[in-house]
């Protein structure tokens, strides 16, 4: 019984780690897209585009934190980050 529980917890943690990797790849792609957007804004000399870029630059990081916290709570309700 104990072995089954440990195996299940290990599977859940691997799932979370895989999700974190996918999230990190998604963030890098979003960051690359933002840099392309910034380049377009600079070449077009549009001040409002620069303001929009500044306002949206931290959005992917905030969203990723919320998603990862929600995934951790869903997959491992008893798992507390930093407590071993």
PDB file of N, CA and C in Angstrom:
ATOM      1  N   UNK A   1       0.827  -1.195   0.000  1.00  0.00           N
ATOM      2  CA  UNK A   1       0.000   0.000   0.000  1.00  0.00           C
ATOM      3  C   UNK A   1       0.872   1.260   0.000  1.00  0.00           C
ATOM      4  N   UNK A   2       1.898   1.248   0.842  1.00  0.00           N
ATOM      5  CA  UNK A   2       2.802   2.390   0.943  1.00  0.00           C
ATOM      6  C   UNK A   2       3.569   2.601  -0.374  1.00  0.00           C
ATOM      7  N   UNK A   3       3.974   1.477  -0.994  1.00  0.00           N
ATOM      8  CA  UNK A   3       4.711   1.577  -2.263  1.00  0.00           C
ATOM      9  C   UNK A   3       3.838   2.192  -3.342  1.00  0.00           C
ATOM     10  N   UNK A   4       2.568   1.819  -3.345  1.00  0.00           N
ATOM     11  CA  UNK A   4       1.649   2.371  -4.338  1.00  0.00           C
ATOM     12  C   UNK A   4       1.477   3.881  -4.164  1.00  0.00           C
ATOM     13  N   UNK A   5       1.378   4.313  -2.903  1.00  0.00           N
ATOM     14  CA  UNK A   5       1.236   5.745  -2.619  1.00  0.00           C
ATOM     15  C   UNK A   5       2.480   6.514  -3.061  1.00  0.00           C
ATOM     16  N   UNK A   6       3.655   5.947  -2.755  1.00  0.00           N
ATOM     17  CA  UNK A   6       4.907   6.608  -3.146  1.00  0.00           C
ATOM     18  C   UNK A   6       5.040   6.671  -4.663  1.00  0.00           C
ATOM     19  N   UNK A   7       4.642   5.603  -5.343  1.00  0.00           N
ATOM     20  CA  UNK A   7       4.698   5.586  -6.808  1.00  0.00           C
ATOM     21  C   UNK A   7       3.736   6.625  -7.392  1.00  0.00           C
ATOM     22  N   UNK A   8       2.575   6.743  -6.770  1.00  0.00           N
ATOM     23  CA  UNK A   8       1.590   7.728  -7.244  1.00  0.00           C
ATOM     24  C   UNK A   8       2.102   9.143  -7.045  1.00  0.00           C
ATOM     25  N   UNK A   9       2.707   9.401  -5.875  1.00  0.00           N
ATOM     26  CA  UNK A   9       3.265  10.729  -5.621  1.00  0.00           C
ATOM     27  C   UNK A   9       4.401  11.042  -6.592  1.00  0.00           C
ATOM     28  N   UNK A  10       5.231  10.057  -6.881  1.00  0.00           N
ATOM     29  CA  UNK A  10       6.336  10.263  -7.825  1.00  0.00           C
ATOM     30  C   UNK A  10       5.790  10.583  -9.218  1.00  0.00           C
ATOM     31  N   UNK A  11       4.729   9.886  -9.619  1.00  0.00           N
ATOM     32  CA  UNK A  11       4.100  10.168 -10.920  1.00  0.00           C
ATOM     33  C   UNK A  11       3.542  11.582 -10.964  1.00  0.00           C
ATOM     34  N   UNK A  12       2.888  11.984  -9.886  1.00  0.00           N
ATOM     35  CA  UNK A  12       2.314  13.326  -9.844  1.00  0.00           C
ATOM     36  C   UNK A  12       3.400  14.401  -9.901  1.00  0.00           C
ATOM     37  N   UNK A  13       4.495  14.190  -9.180  1.00  0.00           N
ATOM     38  CA  UNK A  13       5.584  15.169  -9.202  1.00  0.00           C
ATOM     39  C   UNK A  13       6.229  15.239 -10.582  1.00  0.00           C
ATOM     40  N   UNK A  14       6.366  14.081 -11.257  1.00  0.00           N
ATOM     41  CA  UNK A  14       6.904  14.089 -12.628  1.00  0.00           C
ATOM     42  C   UNK A  14       5.977  14.861 -13.559  1.00  0.00           C
ATOM     43  N   UNK A  15       4.664  14.694 -13.371  1.00  0.00           N
ATOM     44  CA  UNK A  15       3.693  15.419 -14.180  1.00  0.00           C
ATOM     45  C   UNK A  15       3.839  16.918 -13.968  1.00  0.00           C
ATOM     46  N   UNK A  16       4.012  17.326 -12.713  1.00  0.00           N
ATOM     47  CA  UNK A  16       4.195  18.747 -12.404  1.00  0.00           C
ATOM     48  C   UNK A  16       5.487  19.262 -13.026  1.00  0.00           C
ATOM     49  N   UNK A  17       6.567  18.468 -12.933  1.00  0.00           N
ATOM     50  CA  UNK A  17       7.833  18.888 -13.523  1.00  0.00           C
ATOM     51  C   UNK A  17       7.712  19.025 -15.038  1.00  0.00           C
ATOM     52  N   UNK A  18       7.014  18.078 -15.680  1.00  0.00           N
ATOM     53  CA  UNK A  18       6.806  18.173 -17.129  1.00  0.00           C
ATOM     54  C   UNK A  18       5.979  19.404 -17.484  1.00  0.00           C
ATOM     55  N   UNK A  19       4.982  19.680 -16.678  1.00  0.00           N
ATOM     56  CA  UNK A  19       4.177  20.882 -16.892  1.00  0.00           C
ATOM     57  C   UNK A  19       4.997  22.141 -16.707  1.00  0.00           C
ATOM     58  N   UNK A  20       5.916  22.131 -15.741  1.00  0.00           N
ATOM     59  CA  UNK A  20       6.779  23.283 -15.519  1.00  0.00           C
ATOM     60  C   UNK A  20       7.701  23.504 -16.715  1.00  0.00           C
ATOM     61  N   UNK A  21       8.198  22.415 -17.296  1.00  0.00           N
ATOM     62  CA  UNK A  21       9.058  22.534 -18.470  1.00  0.00           C
ATOM     63  C   UNK A  21       8.273  23.117 -19.643  1.00  0.00           C
ATOM     64  N   UNK A  22       7.064  22.626 -19.852  1.00  0.00           N
ATOM     65  CA  UNK A  22       6.229  23.154 -20.935  1.00  0.00           C
ATOM     66  C   UNK A  22       5.911  24.627 -20.700  1.00  0.00           C
ATOM     67  N   UNK A  23       5.686  24.975 -19.430  1.00  0.00           N
ATOM     68  CA  UNK A  23       5.406  26.365 -19.076  1.00  0.00           C
ATOM     69  C   UNK A  23       6.614  27.248 -19.351  1.00  0.00           C
ATOM     70  N   UNK A  24       7.808  26.744 -19.019  1.00  0.00           N
ATOM     71  CA  UNK A  24       9.028  27.509 -19.266  1.00  0.00           C
ATOM     72  C   UNK A  24       9.244  27.723 -20.764  1.00  0.00           C
ATOM     73  N   UNK A  25       9.008  26.692 -21.564  1.00  0.00           N
ATOM     74  CA  UNK A  25       9.151  26.824 -23.020  1.00  0.00           C
ATOM     75  C   UNK A  25       8.144  27.848 -23.542  1.00  0.00           C
ATOM     76  N   UNK A  26       6.926  27.777 -23.045  1.00  0.00           N
ATOM     77  CA  UNK A  26       5.902  28.740 -23.447  1.00  0.00           C
ATOM     78  C   UNK A  26       6.280  30.165 -23.087  1.00  0.00           C
ATOM     79  N   UNK A  27       6.880  30.334 -21.903  1.00  0.00           N
ATOM     80  CA  UNK A  27       7.311  31.670 -21.492  1.00  0.00           C
ATOM     81  C   UNK A  27       8.421  32.205 -22.389  1.00  0.00           C
ATOM     82  N   UNK A  28       9.367  31.348 -22.751  1.00  0.00           N
ATOM     83  CA  UNK A  28      10.442  31.789 -23.652  1.00  0.00           C
ATOM     84  C   UNK A  28       9.874  32.182 -25.006  1.00  0.00           C
ATOM     85  N   UNK A  29       8.909  31.429 -25.512  1.00  0.00           N
ATOM     86  CA  UNK A  29       8.282  31.784 -26.783  1.00  0.00           C
ATOM     87  C   UNK A  29       7.516  33.106 -26.670  1.00  0.00           C
ATOM     88  N   UNK A  30       6.835  33.292 -25.536  1.00  0.00           N
ATOM     89  CA  UNK A  30       6.120  34.556 -25.328  1.00  0.00           C
ATOM     90  C   UNK A  30       7.096  35.719 -25.243  1.00  0.00           C
ATOM     91  N   UNK A  31       8.215  35.501 -24.580  1.00  0.00           N
ATOM     92  CA  UNK A  31       9.228  36.549 -24.459  1.00  0.00           C
ATOM     93  C   UNK A  31       9.812  36.891 -25.824  1.00  0.00           C
ATOM     94  N   UNK A  32      10.066  35.865 -26.643  1.00  0.00           N
ATOM     95  CA  UNK A  32      10.574  36.111 -27.997  1.00  0.00           C
ATOM     96  C   UNK A  32       9.546  36.907 -28.807  1.00  0.00           C
ATOM     97  N   UNK A  33       8.279  36.558 -28.659  1.00  0.00           N
ATOM     98  CA  UNK A  33       7.223  37.304 -29.344  1.00  0.00           C
ATOM     99  C   UNK A  33       7.169  38.755 -28.896  1.00  0.00           C
ATOM    100  N   UNK A  34       7.377  38.988 -27.599  1.00  0.00           N
ATOM    101  CA  UNK A  34       7.372  40.364 -27.100  1.00  0.00           C
ATOM    102  C   UNK A  34       8.548  41.163 -27.668  1.00  0.00           C
ATOM    103  N   UNK A  35       9.697  40.520 -27.821  1.00  0.00           N
ATOM    104  CA  UNK A  35      10.838  41.228 -28.407  1.00  0.00           C
ATOM    105  C   UNK A  35      10.598  41.566 -29.873  1.00  0.00           C
ATOM    106  N   UNK A  36       9.958  40.660 -30.593  1.00  0.00           N
ATOM    107  CA  UNK A  36       9.588  40.962 -31.988  1.00  0.00           C
ATOM    108  C   UNK A  36       8.610  42.130 -32.011  1.00  0.00           C
ATOM    109  N   UNK A  37       7.660  42.107 -31.097  1.00  0.00           N
ATOM    110  CA  UNK A  37       6.682  43.199 -30.995  1.00  0.00           C
ATOM    111  C   UNK A  37       7.384  44.517 -30.703  1.00  0.00           C
ATOM    112  N   UNK A  38       8.373  44.488 -29.803  1.00  0.00           N
ATOM    113  CA  UNK A  38       9.135  45.687 -29.467  1.00  0.00           C
ATOM    114  C   UNK A  38       9.896  46.204 -30.678  1.00  0.00           C
ATOM    115  N   UNK A  39      10.489  45.306 -31.434  1.00  0.00           N
ATOM    116  CA  UNK A  39      11.219  45.714 -32.636  1.00  0.00           C
ATOM    117  C   UNK A  39      10.278  46.388 -33.631  1.00  0.00           C
ATOM    118  N   UNK A  40       9.080  45.835 -33.793  1.00  0.00           N
ATOM    119  CA  UNK A  40       8.099  46.447 -34.708  1.00  0.00           C
ATOM    120  C   UNK A  40       7.691  47.822 -34.187  1.00  0.00           C
ATOM    121  N   UNK A  41       7.482  47.926 -32.877  1.00  0.00           N
ATOM    122  CA  UNK A  41       7.078  49.208 -32.293  1.00  0.00           C
ATOM    123  C   UNK A  41       8.166  50.261 -32.470  1.00  0.00           C
ATOM    124  N   UNK A  42       9.420  49.860 -32.322  1.00  0.00           N
ATOM    125  CA  UNK A  42      10.515  50.816 -32.465  1.00  0.00           C
ATOM    126  C   UNK A  42      10.688  51.259 -33.914  1.00  0.00           C
ATOM    127  N   UNK A  43      10.545  50.331 -34.840  1.00  0.00           N
ATOM    128  CA  UNK A  43      10.717  50.711 -36.249  1.00  0.00           C
ATOM    129  C   UNK A  43       9.538  51.526 -36.758  1.00  0.00           C
ATOM    130  N   UNK A  44       8.367  51.337 -36.181  1.00  0.00           N
ATOM    131  CA  UNK A  44       7.190  52.090 -36.612  1.00  0.00           C
ATOM    132  C   UNK A  44       7.098  53.450 -35.924  1.00  0.00           C
ATOM    133  N   UNK A  45       7.955  53.685 -34.917  1.00  0.00           N
ATOM    134  CA  UNK A  45       7.941  54.942 -34.148  1.00  0.00           C
ATOM    135  C   UNK A  45       6.562  55.255 -33.566  1.00  0.00           C
ATOM    136  N   UNK A  46       5.962  54.250 -32.994  1.00  0.00           N
ATOM    137  CA  UNK A  46       4.649  54.430 -32.385  1.00  0.00           C
ATOM    138  C   UNK A  46       4.801  54.377 -30.865  1.00  0.00           C
ATOM    139  N   UNK A  47       4.556  55.491 -30.210  1.00  0.00           N
ATOM    140  CA  UNK A  47       4.729  55.567 -28.760  1.00  0.00           C
ATOM    141  C   UNK A  47       3.709  54.691 -28.039  1.00  0.00           C
ATOM    142  N   UNK A  48       2.485  54.642 -28.543  1.00  0.00           N
ATOM    143  CA  UNK A  48       1.463  53.845 -27.869  1.00  0.00           C
ATOM    144  C   UNK A  48       1.789  52.357 -27.933  1.00  0.00           C
ATOM    145  N   UNK A  49       2.486  51.900 -29.002  1.00  0.00           N
ATOM    146  CA  UNK A  49       2.908  50.509 -29.071  1.00  0.00           C
ATOM    147  C   UNK A  49       3.946  50.206 -27.989  1.00  0.00           C
ATOM    148  N   UNK A  50       4.831  51.175 -27.757  1.00  0.00           N
ATOM    149  CA  UNK A  50       5.831  50.989 -26.697  1.00  0.00           C
ATOM    150  C   UNK A  50       5.167  50.918 -25.319  1.00  0.00           C
ATOM    151  N   UNK A  51       4.168  51.757 -25.103  1.00  0.00           N
ATOM    152  CA  UNK A  51       3.436  51.713 -23.834  1.00  0.00           C
ATOM    153  C   UNK A  51       2.714  50.393 -23.635  1.00  0.00           C
ATOM    154  N   UNK A  52       2.125  49.885 -24.716  1.00  0.00           N
ATOM    155  CA  UNK A  52       1.447  48.591 -24.642  1.00  0.00           C
ATOM    156  C   UNK A  52       2.444  47.487 -24.343  1.00  0.00           C
ATOM    157  N   UNK A  53       3.629  47.570 -24.947  1.00  0.00           N
ATOM    158  CA  UNK A  53       4.669  46.576 -24.679  1.00  0.00           C
ATOM    159  C   UNK A  53       5.087  46.616 -23.208  1.00  0.00           C
ATOM    160  N   UNK A  54       5.299  47.805 -22.679  1.00  0.00           N
ATOM    161  CA  UNK A  54       5.710  47.940 -21.279  1.00  0.00           C
ATOM    162  C   UNK A  54       4.642  47.392 -20.333  1.00  0.00           C
ATOM    163  N   UNK A  55       3.375  47.640 -20.668  1.00  0.00           N
ATOM    164  CA  UNK A  55       2.282  47.174 -19.812  1.00  0.00           C
ATOM    165  C   UNK A  55       2.145  45.659 -19.842  1.00  0.00           C
ATOM    166  N   UNK A  56       2.452  45.036 -20.983  1.00  0.00           N
ATOM    167  CA  UNK A  56       2.224  43.601 -21.121  1.00  0.00           C
ATOM    168  C   UNK A  56       3.472  42.755 -20.894  1.00  0.00           C
ATOM    169  N   UNK A  57       4.606  43.367 -20.612  1.00  0.00           N
ATOM    170  CA  UNK A  57       5.840  42.581 -20.548  1.00  0.00           C
ATOM    171  C   UNK A  57       5.893  41.633 -19.351  1.00  0.00           C
ATOM    172  N   UNK A  58       5.229  41.978 -18.240  1.00  0.00           N
ATOM    173  CA  UNK A  58       5.281  41.108 -17.073  1.00  0.00           C
ATOM    174  C   UNK A  58       4.097  40.152 -16.987  1.00  0.00           C
ATOM    175  N   UNK A  59       3.137  40.301 -17.886  1.00  0.00           N
ATOM    176  CA  UNK A  59       1.934  39.457 -17.835  1.00  0.00           C
ATOM    177  C   UNK A  59       2.230  37.967 -17.919  1.00  0.00           C
ATOM    178  N   UNK A  60       3.101  37.498 -18.845  1.00  0.00           N
ATOM    179  CA  UNK A  60       3.347  36.040 -18.903  1.00  0.00           C
ATOM    180  C   UNK A  60       3.935  35.480 -17.615  1.00  0.00           C
ATOM    181  N   UNK A  61       4.779  36.248 -16.931  1.00  0.00           N
ATOM    182  CA  UNK A  61       5.397  35.760 -15.701  1.00  0.00           C
ATOM    183  C   UNK A  61       4.381  35.654 -14.573  1.00  0.00           C
ATOM    184  N   UNK A  62       3.502  36.622 -14.470  1.00  0.00           N
ATOM    185  CA  UNK A  62       2.449  36.578 -13.452  1.00  0.00           C
ATOM    186  C   UNK A  62       1.513  35.400 -13.730  1.00  0.00           C
ATOM    187  N   UNK A  63       1.129  35.254 -15.002  1.00  0.00           N
ATOM    188  CA  UNK A  63       0.226  34.168 -15.388  1.00  0.00           C
ATOM    189  C   UNK A  63       0.858  32.801 -15.129  1.00  0.00           C
ATOM    190  N   UNK A  64       2.158  32.654 -15.418  1.00  0.00           N
ATOM    191  CA  UNK A  64       2.812  31.363 -15.204  1.00  0.00           C
ATOM    192  C   UNK A  64       2.854  31.005 -13.723  1.00  0.00           C
ATOM    193  N   UNK A  65       3.083  31.991 -12.868  1.00  0.00           N
ATOM    194  CA  UNK A  65       3.073  31.731 -11.430  1.00  0.00           C
ATOM    195  C   UNK A  65       1.720  31.257 -10.944  1.00  0.00           C
ATOM    196  N   UNK A  66       0.666  31.877 -11.435  1.00  0.00           N
ATOM    197  CA  UNK A  66      -0.686  31.482 -11.043  1.00  0.00           C
ATOM    198  C   UNK A  66      -1.000  30.072 -11.528  1.00  0.00           C
ATOM    199  N   UNK A  67      -0.646  29.779 -12.784  1.00  0.00           N
ATOM    200  CA  UNK A  67      -0.931  28.452 -13.352  1.00  0.00           C
ATOM    201  C   UNK A  67      -0.150  27.372 -12.619  1.00  0.00           C
ATOM    202  N   UNK A  68       1.131  27.629 -12.339  1.00  0.00           N
ATOM    203  CA  UNK A  68       1.931  26.606 -11.662  1.00  0.00           C
ATOM    204  C   UNK A  68       1.441  26.364 -10.236  1.00  0.00           C
ATOM    205  N   UNK A  69       1.061  27.417  -9.534  1.00  0.00           N
ATOM    206  CA  UNK A  69       0.524  27.243  -8.184  1.00  0.00           C
ATOM    207  C   UNK A  69      -0.779  26.441  -8.216  1.00  0.00           C
ATOM    208  N   UNK A  70      -1.630  26.732  -9.205  1.00  0.00           N
ATOM    209  CA  UNK A  70      -2.896  25.999  -9.316  1.00  0.00           C
ATOM    210  C   UNK A  70      -2.648  24.534  -9.654  1.00  0.00           C
ATOM    211  N   UNK A  71      -1.705  24.268 -10.568  1.00  0.00           N
ATOM    212  CA  UNK A  71      -1.389  22.882 -10.918  1.00  0.00           C
ATOM    213  C   UNK A  71      -0.843  22.119  -9.716  1.00  0.00           C
ATOM    214  N   UNK A  72       0.018  22.766  -8.959  1.00  0.00           N
ATOM    215  CA  UNK A  72       0.594  22.111  -7.783  1.00  0.00           C
ATOM    216  C   UNK A  72      -0.497  21.760  -6.777  1.00  0.00           C
ATOM    217  N   UNK A  73      -1.429  22.682  -6.553  1.00  0.00           N
ATOM    218  CA  UNK A  73      -2.517  22.428  -5.607  1.00  0.00           C
ATOM    219  C   UNK A  73      -3.451  21.322  -6.113  1.00  0.00           C
ATOM    220  N   UNK A  74      -3.688  21.288  -7.420  1.00  0.00           N
ATOM    221  CA  UNK A  74      -4.583  20.265  -7.971  1.00  0.00           C
ATOM    222  C   UNK A  74      -3.950  18.884  -7.946  1.00  0.00           C
ATOM    223  N   UNK A  75      -2.687  18.800  -8.363  1.00  0.00           N
ATOM    224  CA  UNK A  75      -2.046  17.500  -8.517  1.00  0.00           C
ATOM    225  C   UNK A  75      -1.593  16.915  -7.177  1.00  0.00           C
ATOM    226  N   UNK A  76      -1.096  17.749  -6.300  1.00  0.00           N
ATOM    227  CA  UNK A  76      -0.604  17.285  -4.991  1.00  0.00           C
ATOM    228  C   UNK A  76      -1.156  18.202  -3.905  1.00  0.00           C
ATOM    229  N   UNK A  77      -2.357  17.951  -3.422  1.00  0.00           N
ATOM    230  CA  UNK A  77      -2.953  18.852  -2.434  1.00  0.00           C
ATOM    231  C   UNK A  77      -2.154  18.958  -1.143  1.00  0.00           C
ATOM    232  N   UNK A  78      -1.412  17.895  -0.786  1.00  0.00           N
ATOM    233  CA  UNK A  78      -0.638  17.936   0.464  1.00  0.00           C
ATOM    234  C   UNK A  78       0.788  18.429   0.252  1.00  0.00           C
ATOM    235  N   UNK A  79       1.154  18.682  -0.994  1.00  0.00           N
ATOM    236  CA  UNK A  79       2.516  19.127  -1.303  1.00  0.00           C
ATOM    237  C   UNK A  79       2.657  20.615  -0.976  1.00  0.00           C
ATOM    238  N   UNK A  80       3.656  20.941  -0.160  1.00  0.00           N
ATOM    239  CA  UNK A  80       3.921  22.333   0.184  1.00  0.00           C
ATOM    240  C   UNK A  80       5.323  22.679  -0.302  1.00  0.00           C
ATOM    241  N   UNK A  81       5.466  23.604  -1.250  1.00  0.00           N
ATOM    242  CA  UNK A  81       6.792  23.960  -1.740  1.00  0.00           C
ATOM    243  C   UNK A  81       7.688  24.455  -0.619  1.00  0.00           C
ATOM    244  N   UNK A  82       8.908  23.971  -0.603  1.00  0.00           N
ATOM    245  CA  UNK A  82       9.882  24.405   0.400  1.00  0.00           C
ATOM    246  C   UNK A  82       9.837  23.615   1.695  1.00  0.00           C
ATOM    247  N   UNK A  83       8.837  22.764   1.899  1.00  0.00           N
ATOM    248  CA  UNK A  83       8.731  21.958   3.113  1.00  0.00           C
ATOM    249  C   UNK A  83       9.009  20.506   2.748  1.00  0.00           C
ATOM    250  N   UNK A  84      10.034  19.937   3.346  1.00  0.00           N
ATOM    251  CA  UNK A  84      10.409  18.552   3.010  1.00  0.00           C
ATOM    252  C   UNK A  84      10.244  17.647   4.208  1.00  0.00           C
TER     253      UNK A  84
END
